[in-house]
């Protein structure tokens, strides 16, 4: 089941807090190393670093 989107605010330091439920749905747990990049047009993408490295090596998830 996919949850409804959460509305978040960016604080003065440029930070946001992501709800644990959304992280859990994405398979991301506290302490997971992430890569972040802009996908343009107001989009920010988060990827597990291990998945991105695996894709670069052509191995999928490490």
PDB file of N, CA and C in Angstrom:
ATOM      1  N   UNK A   1       0.843  -1.185   0.000  1.00  0.00           N
ATOM      2  CA  UNK A   1       0.000   0.000   0.000  1.00  0.00           C
ATOM      3  C   UNK A   1       0.890   1.250   0.000  1.00  0.00           C
ATOM      4  N   UNK A   2       0.603   2.169  -0.886  1.00  0.00           N
ATOM      5  CA  UNK A   2       1.348   3.426  -0.955  1.00  0.00           C
ATOM      6  C   UNK A   2       0.582   4.466  -0.151  1.00  0.00           C
ATOM      7  N   UNK A   3       1.296   5.146   0.727  1.00  0.00           N
ATOM      8  CA  UNK A   3       0.681   6.183   1.559  1.00  0.00           C
ATOM      9  C   UNK A   3       0.471   7.459   0.754  1.00  0.00           C
ATOM     10  N   UNK A   4      -0.383   8.294   1.291  1.00  0.00           N
ATOM     11  CA  UNK A   4      -0.580   9.618   0.716  1.00  0.00           C
ATOM     12  C   UNK A   4       0.704  10.432   0.890  1.00  0.00           C
ATOM     13  N   UNK A   5       0.966  11.361  -0.008  1.00  0.00           N
ATOM     14  CA  UNK A   5       2.160  12.208   0.161  1.00  0.00           C
ATOM     15  C   UNK A   5       2.091  13.004   1.460  1.00  0.00           C
ATOM     16  N   UNK A   6       3.243  13.277   2.017  1.00  0.00           N
ATOM     17  CA  UNK A   6       3.336  14.104   3.220  1.00  0.00           C
ATOM     18  C   UNK A   6       3.767  15.504   2.797  1.00  0.00           C
ATOM     19  N   UNK A   7       3.192  16.509   3.426  1.00  0.00           N
ATOM     20  CA  UNK A   7       3.596  17.890   3.160  1.00  0.00           C
ATOM     21  C   UNK A   7       4.648  18.273   4.186  1.00  0.00           C
ATOM     22  N   UNK A   8       5.806  18.724   3.706  1.00  0.00           N
ATOM     23  CA  UNK A   8       6.933  19.044   4.574  1.00  0.00           C
ATOM     24  C   UNK A   8       7.361  20.481   4.369  1.00  0.00           C
ATOM     25  N   UNK A   9       8.010  21.046   5.376  1.00  0.00           N
ATOM     26  CA  UNK A   9       8.588  22.384   5.273  1.00  0.00           C
ATOM     27  C   UNK A   9      10.104  22.282   5.283  1.00  0.00           C
ATOM     28  N   UNK A  10      10.748  23.141   4.512  1.00  0.00           N
ATOM     29  CA  UNK A  10      12.204  23.261   4.544  1.00  0.00           C
ATOM     30  C   UNK A  10      12.533  24.289   5.609  1.00  0.00           C
ATOM     31  N   UNK A  11      13.413  23.922   6.566  1.00  0.00           N
ATOM     32  CA  UNK A  11      13.750  24.872   7.630  1.00  0.00           C
ATOM     33  C   UNK A  11      14.812  25.865   7.155  1.00  0.00           C
ATOM     34  N   UNK A  12      15.172  26.778   8.026  1.00  0.00           N
ATOM     35  CA  UNK A  12      16.114  27.851   7.671  1.00  0.00           C
ATOM     36  C   UNK A  12      17.488  27.321   7.258  1.00  0.00           C
ATOM     37  N   UNK A  13      17.832  26.130   7.725  1.00  0.00           N
ATOM     38  CA  UNK A  13      19.122  25.517   7.381  1.00  0.00           C
ATOM     39  C   UNK A  13      19.019  24.659   6.119  1.00  0.00           C
ATOM     40  N   UNK A  14      17.831  24.617   5.488  1.00  0.00           N
ATOM     41  CA  UNK A  14      17.647  23.838   4.268  1.00  0.00           C
ATOM     42  C   UNK A  14      17.354  22.370   4.522  1.00  0.00           C
ATOM     43  N   UNK A  15      16.928  22.034   5.736  1.00  0.00           N
ATOM     44  CA  UNK A  15      16.671  20.637   6.089  1.00  0.00           C
ATOM     45  C   UNK A  15      15.182  20.331   6.078  1.00  0.00           C
ATOM     46  N   UNK A  16      14.878  19.057   5.833  1.00  0.00           N
ATOM     47  CA  UNK A  16      13.514  18.544   5.964  1.00  0.00           C
ATOM     48  C   UNK A  16      13.582  17.248   6.765  1.00  0.00           C
ATOM     49  N   UNK A  17      12.518  16.925   7.459  1.00  0.00           N
ATOM     50  CA  UNK A  17      12.403  15.652   8.158  1.00  0.00           C
ATOM     51  C   UNK A  17      11.458  14.777   7.361  1.00  0.00           C
ATOM     52  N   UNK A  18      11.922  13.573   7.020  1.00  0.00           N
ATOM     53  CA  UNK A  18      11.091  12.638   6.272  1.00  0.00           C
ATOM     54  C   UNK A  18      10.403  11.693   7.253  1.00  0.00           C
ATOM     55  N   UNK A  19       9.102  11.490   7.092  1.00  0.00           N
ATOM     56  CA  UNK A  19       8.382  10.590   7.995  1.00  0.00           C
ATOM     57  C   UNK A  19       8.927   9.159   7.902  1.00  0.00           C
ATOM     58  N   UNK A  20       9.056   8.491   9.061  1.00  0.00           N
ATOM     59  CA  UNK A  20       9.579   7.126   9.089  1.00  0.00           C
ATOM     60  C   UNK A  20       8.745   6.174   8.238  1.00  0.00           C
ATOM     61  N   UNK A  21       7.436   6.382   8.189  1.00  0.00           N
ATOM     62  CA  UNK A  21       6.582   5.507   7.385  1.00  0.00           C
ATOM     63  C   UNK A  21       6.931   5.559   5.913  1.00  0.00           C
ATOM     64  N   UNK A  22       7.223   6.741   5.411  1.00  0.00           N
ATOM     65  CA  UNK A  22       7.595   6.892   4.005  1.00  0.00           C
ATOM     66  C   UNK A  22       8.956   6.250   3.757  1.00  0.00           C
ATOM     67  N   UNK A  23       9.889   6.454   4.683  1.00  0.00           N
ATOM     68  CA  UNK A  23      11.203   5.822   4.549  1.00  0.00           C
ATOM     69  C   UNK A  23      11.068   4.299   4.551  1.00  0.00           C
ATOM     70  N   UNK A  24      10.250   3.778   5.451  1.00  0.00           N
ATOM     71  CA  UNK A  24      10.066   2.327   5.537  1.00  0.00           C
ATOM     72  C   UNK A  24       9.474   1.775   4.246  1.00  0.00           C
ATOM     73  N   UNK A  25       8.496   2.463   3.669  1.00  0.00           N
ATOM     74  CA  UNK A  25       7.907   2.029   2.401  1.00  0.00           C
ATOM     75  C   UNK A  25       8.957   1.943   1.308  1.00  0.00           C
ATOM     76  N   UNK A  26       9.922   2.844   1.350  1.00  0.00           N
ATOM     77  CA  UNK A  26      10.975   2.883   0.335  1.00  0.00           C
ATOM     78  C   UNK A  26      12.122   1.927   0.671  1.00  0.00           C
ATOM     79  N   UNK A  27      12.022   1.242   1.798  1.00  0.00           N
ATOM     80  CA  UNK A  27      13.084   0.328   2.188  1.00  0.00           C
ATOM     81  C   UNK A  27      14.317   1.026   2.722  1.00  0.00           C
ATOM     82  N   UNK A  28      14.117   2.220   3.276  1.00  0.00           N
ATOM     83  CA  UNK A  28      15.222   3.008   3.819  1.00  0.00           C
ATOM     84  C   UNK A  28      15.059   3.074   5.334  1.00  0.00           C
ATOM     85  N   UNK A  29      16.080   2.639   6.047  1.00  0.00           N
ATOM     86  CA  UNK A  29      16.026   2.654   7.504  1.00  0.00           C
ATOM     87  C   UNK A  29      16.999   3.695   8.043  1.00  0.00           C
ATOM     88  N   UNK A  30      16.805   4.132   9.291  1.00  0.00           N
ATOM     89  CA  UNK A  30      17.737   5.095   9.867  1.00  0.00           C
ATOM     90  C   UNK A  30      19.171   4.575   9.764  1.00  0.00           C
ATOM     91  N   UNK A  31      20.072   5.443   9.372  1.00  0.00           N
ATOM     92  CA  UNK A  31      21.473   5.072   9.207  1.00  0.00           C
ATOM     93  C   UNK A  31      21.844   4.676   7.783  1.00  0.00           C
ATOM     94  N   UNK A  32      20.838   4.520   6.902  1.00  0.00           N
ATOM     95  CA  UNK A  32      21.115   4.169   5.510  1.00  0.00           C
ATOM     96  C   UNK A  32      21.809   5.335   4.818  1.00  0.00           C
ATOM     97  N   UNK A  33      22.863   5.044   4.072  1.00  0.00           N
ATOM     98  CA  UNK A  33      23.586   6.079   3.315  1.00  0.00           C
ATOM     99  C   UNK A  33      22.820   6.344   2.024  1.00  0.00           C
ATOM    100  N   UNK A  34      22.525   7.623   1.757  1.00  0.00           N
ATOM    101  CA  UNK A  34      21.756   8.001   0.577  1.00  0.00           C
ATOM    102  C   UNK A  34      22.553   8.921  -0.331  1.00  0.00           C
ATOM    103  N   UNK A  35      22.246   8.853  -1.618  1.00  0.00           N
ATOM    104  CA  UNK A  35      22.704   9.847  -2.583  1.00  0.00           C
ATOM    105  C   UNK A  35      21.496  10.716  -2.894  1.00  0.00           C
ATOM    106  N   UNK A  36      21.713  11.994  -3.059  1.00  0.00           N
ATOM    107  CA  UNK A  36      20.616  12.909  -3.374  1.00  0.00           C
ATOM    108  C   UNK A  36      21.011  13.761  -4.565  1.00  0.00           C
ATOM    109  N   UNK A  37      20.048  13.958  -5.476  1.00  0.00           N
ATOM    110  CA  UNK A  37      20.306  14.830  -6.622  1.00  0.00           C
ATOM    111  C   UNK A  37      19.006  15.458  -7.085  1.00  0.00           C
ATOM    112  N   UNK A  38      19.152  16.564  -7.795  1.00  0.00           N
ATOM    113  CA  UNK A  38      18.003  17.264  -8.351  1.00  0.00           C
ATOM    114  C   UNK A  38      17.627  16.615  -9.677  1.00  0.00           C
ATOM    115  N   UNK A  39      16.346  16.406  -9.864  1.00  0.00           N
ATOM    116  CA  UNK A  39      15.828  15.886 -11.126  1.00  0.00           C
ATOM    117  C   UNK A  39      15.133  17.011 -11.890  1.00  0.00           C
ATOM    118  N   UNK A  40      15.446  18.257 -11.493  1.00  0.00           N
ATOM    119  CA  UNK A  40      14.856  19.429 -12.146  1.00  0.00           C
ATOM    120  C   UNK A  40      13.388  19.601 -11.800  1.00  0.00           C
ATOM    121  N   UNK A  41      12.844  20.733 -12.189  1.00  0.00           N
ATOM    122  CA  UNK A  41      11.416  21.018 -12.060  1.00  0.00           C
ATOM    123  C   UNK A  41      10.865  20.726 -10.668  1.00  0.00           C
ATOM    124  N   UNK A  42      11.622  21.109  -9.624  1.00  0.00           N
ATOM    125  CA  UNK A  42      11.138  20.959  -8.254  1.00  0.00           C
ATOM    126  C   UNK A  42      11.219  19.556  -7.695  1.00  0.00           C
ATOM    127  N   UNK A  43      11.972  18.672  -8.324  1.00  0.00           N
ATOM    128  CA  UNK A  43      12.084  17.288  -7.856  1.00  0.00           C
ATOM    129  C   UNK A  43      13.455  17.020  -7.254  1.00  0.00           C
ATOM    130  N   UNK A  44      13.464  16.300  -6.146  1.00  0.00           N
ATOM    131  CA  UNK A  44      14.693  15.843  -5.512  1.00  0.00           C
ATOM    132  C   UNK A  44      14.581  14.331  -5.385  1.00  0.00           C
ATOM    133  N   UNK A  45      15.622  13.629  -5.789  1.00  0.00           N
ATOM    134  CA  UNK A  45      15.630  12.168  -5.763  1.00  0.00           C
ATOM    135  C   UNK A  45      16.600  11.678  -4.695  1.00  0.00           C
ATOM    136  N   UNK A  46      16.159  10.724  -3.893  1.00  0.00           N
ATOM    137  CA  UNK A  46      17.016  10.060  -2.916  1.00  0.00           C
ATOM    138  C   UNK A  46      17.185   8.617  -3.373  1.00  0.00           C
ATOM    139  N   UNK A  47      18.420   8.114  -3.363  1.00  0.00           N
ATOM    140  CA  UNK A  47      18.702   6.709  -3.699  1.00  0.00           C
ATOM    141  C   UNK A  47      19.600   6.123  -2.643  1.00  0.00           C
ATOM    142  N   UNK A  48      19.359   4.876  -2.278  1.00  0.00           N
ATOM    143  CA  UNK A  48      20.308   4.180  -1.413  1.00  0.00           C
ATOM    144  C   UNK A  48      21.629   4.126  -2.161  1.00  0.00           C
ATOM    145  N   UNK A  49      22.718   4.505  -1.486  1.00  0.00           N
ATOM    146  CA  UNK A  49      24.037   4.528  -2.116  1.00  0.00           C
ATOM    147  C   UNK A  49      24.389   3.144  -2.648  1.00  0.00           C
ATOM    148  N   UNK A  50      24.077   2.091  -1.905  1.00  0.00           N
ATOM    149  CA  UNK A  50      24.432   0.744  -2.360  1.00  0.00           C
ATOM    150  C   UNK A  50      23.714   0.370  -3.651  1.00  0.00           C
ATOM    151  N   UNK A  51      22.467   0.828  -3.833  1.00  0.00           N
ATOM    152  CA  UNK A  51      21.735   0.551  -5.073  1.00  0.00           C
ATOM    153  C   UNK A  51      22.354   1.291  -6.249  1.00  0.00           C
ATOM    154  N   UNK A  52      22.702   2.565  -6.038  1.00  0.00           N
ATOM    155  CA  UNK A  52      23.293   3.371  -7.111  1.00  0.00           C
ATOM    156  C   UNK A  52      24.642   2.793  -7.537  1.00  0.00           C
ATOM    157  N   UNK A  53      25.453   2.369  -6.571  1.00  0.00           N
ATOM    158  CA  UNK A  53      26.756   1.763  -6.884  1.00  0.00           C
ATOM    159  C   UNK A  53      26.551   0.455  -7.625  1.00  0.00           C
ATOM    160  N   UNK A  54      25.602  -0.333  -7.176  1.00  0.00           N
ATOM    161  CA  UNK A  54      25.292  -1.593  -7.854  1.00  0.00           C
ATOM    162  C   UNK A  54      24.861  -1.376  -9.291  1.00  0.00           C
ATOM    163  N   UNK A  55      24.041  -0.344  -9.539  1.00  0.00           N
ATOM    164  CA  UNK A  55      23.609  -0.027 -10.903  1.00  0.00           C
ATOM    165  C   UNK A  55      24.818   0.349 -11.763  1.00  0.00           C
ATOM    166  N   UNK A  56      25.735   1.138 -11.208  1.00  0.00           N
ATOM    167  CA  UNK A  56      26.930   1.529 -11.963  1.00  0.00           C
ATOM    168  C   UNK A  56      27.787   0.322 -12.317  1.00  0.00           C
ATOM    169  N   UNK A  57      27.827  -0.646 -11.420  1.00  0.00           N
ATOM    170  CA  UNK A  57      28.627  -1.853 -11.662  1.00  0.00           C
ATOM    171  C   UNK A  57      27.864  -2.912 -12.462  1.00  0.00           C
ATOM    172  N   UNK A  58      26.590  -2.607 -12.768  1.00  0.00           N
ATOM    173  CA  UNK A  58      25.777  -3.544 -13.524  1.00  0.00           C
ATOM    174  C   UNK A  58      25.375  -4.776 -12.729  1.00  0.00           C
ATOM    175  N   UNK A  59      25.310  -4.645 -11.416  1.00  0.00           N
ATOM    176  CA  UNK A  59      25.019  -5.794 -10.557  1.00  0.00           C
ATOM    177  C   UNK A  59      23.711  -5.650  -9.788  1.00  0.00           C
ATOM    178  N   UNK A  60      22.935  -4.591 -10.036  1.00  0.00           N
ATOM    179  CA  UNK A  60      21.728  -4.382  -9.226  1.00  0.00           C
ATOM    180  C   UNK A  60      22.117  -4.039  -7.815  1.00  0.00           C
ATOM    181  N   UNK A  61      21.385  -4.549  -6.841  1.00  0.00           N
ATOM    182  CA  UNK A  61      21.670  -4.268  -5.435  1.00  0.00           C
ATOM    183  C   UNK A  61      22.875  -5.073  -4.971  1.00  0.00           C
ATOM    184  N   UNK A  62      23.778  -4.417  -4.235  1.00  0.00           N
ATOM    185  CA  UNK A  62      24.952  -5.124  -3.694  1.00  0.00           C
ATOM    186  C   UNK A  62      24.571  -5.979  -2.519  1.00  0.00           C
TER     187      UNK A  62
END
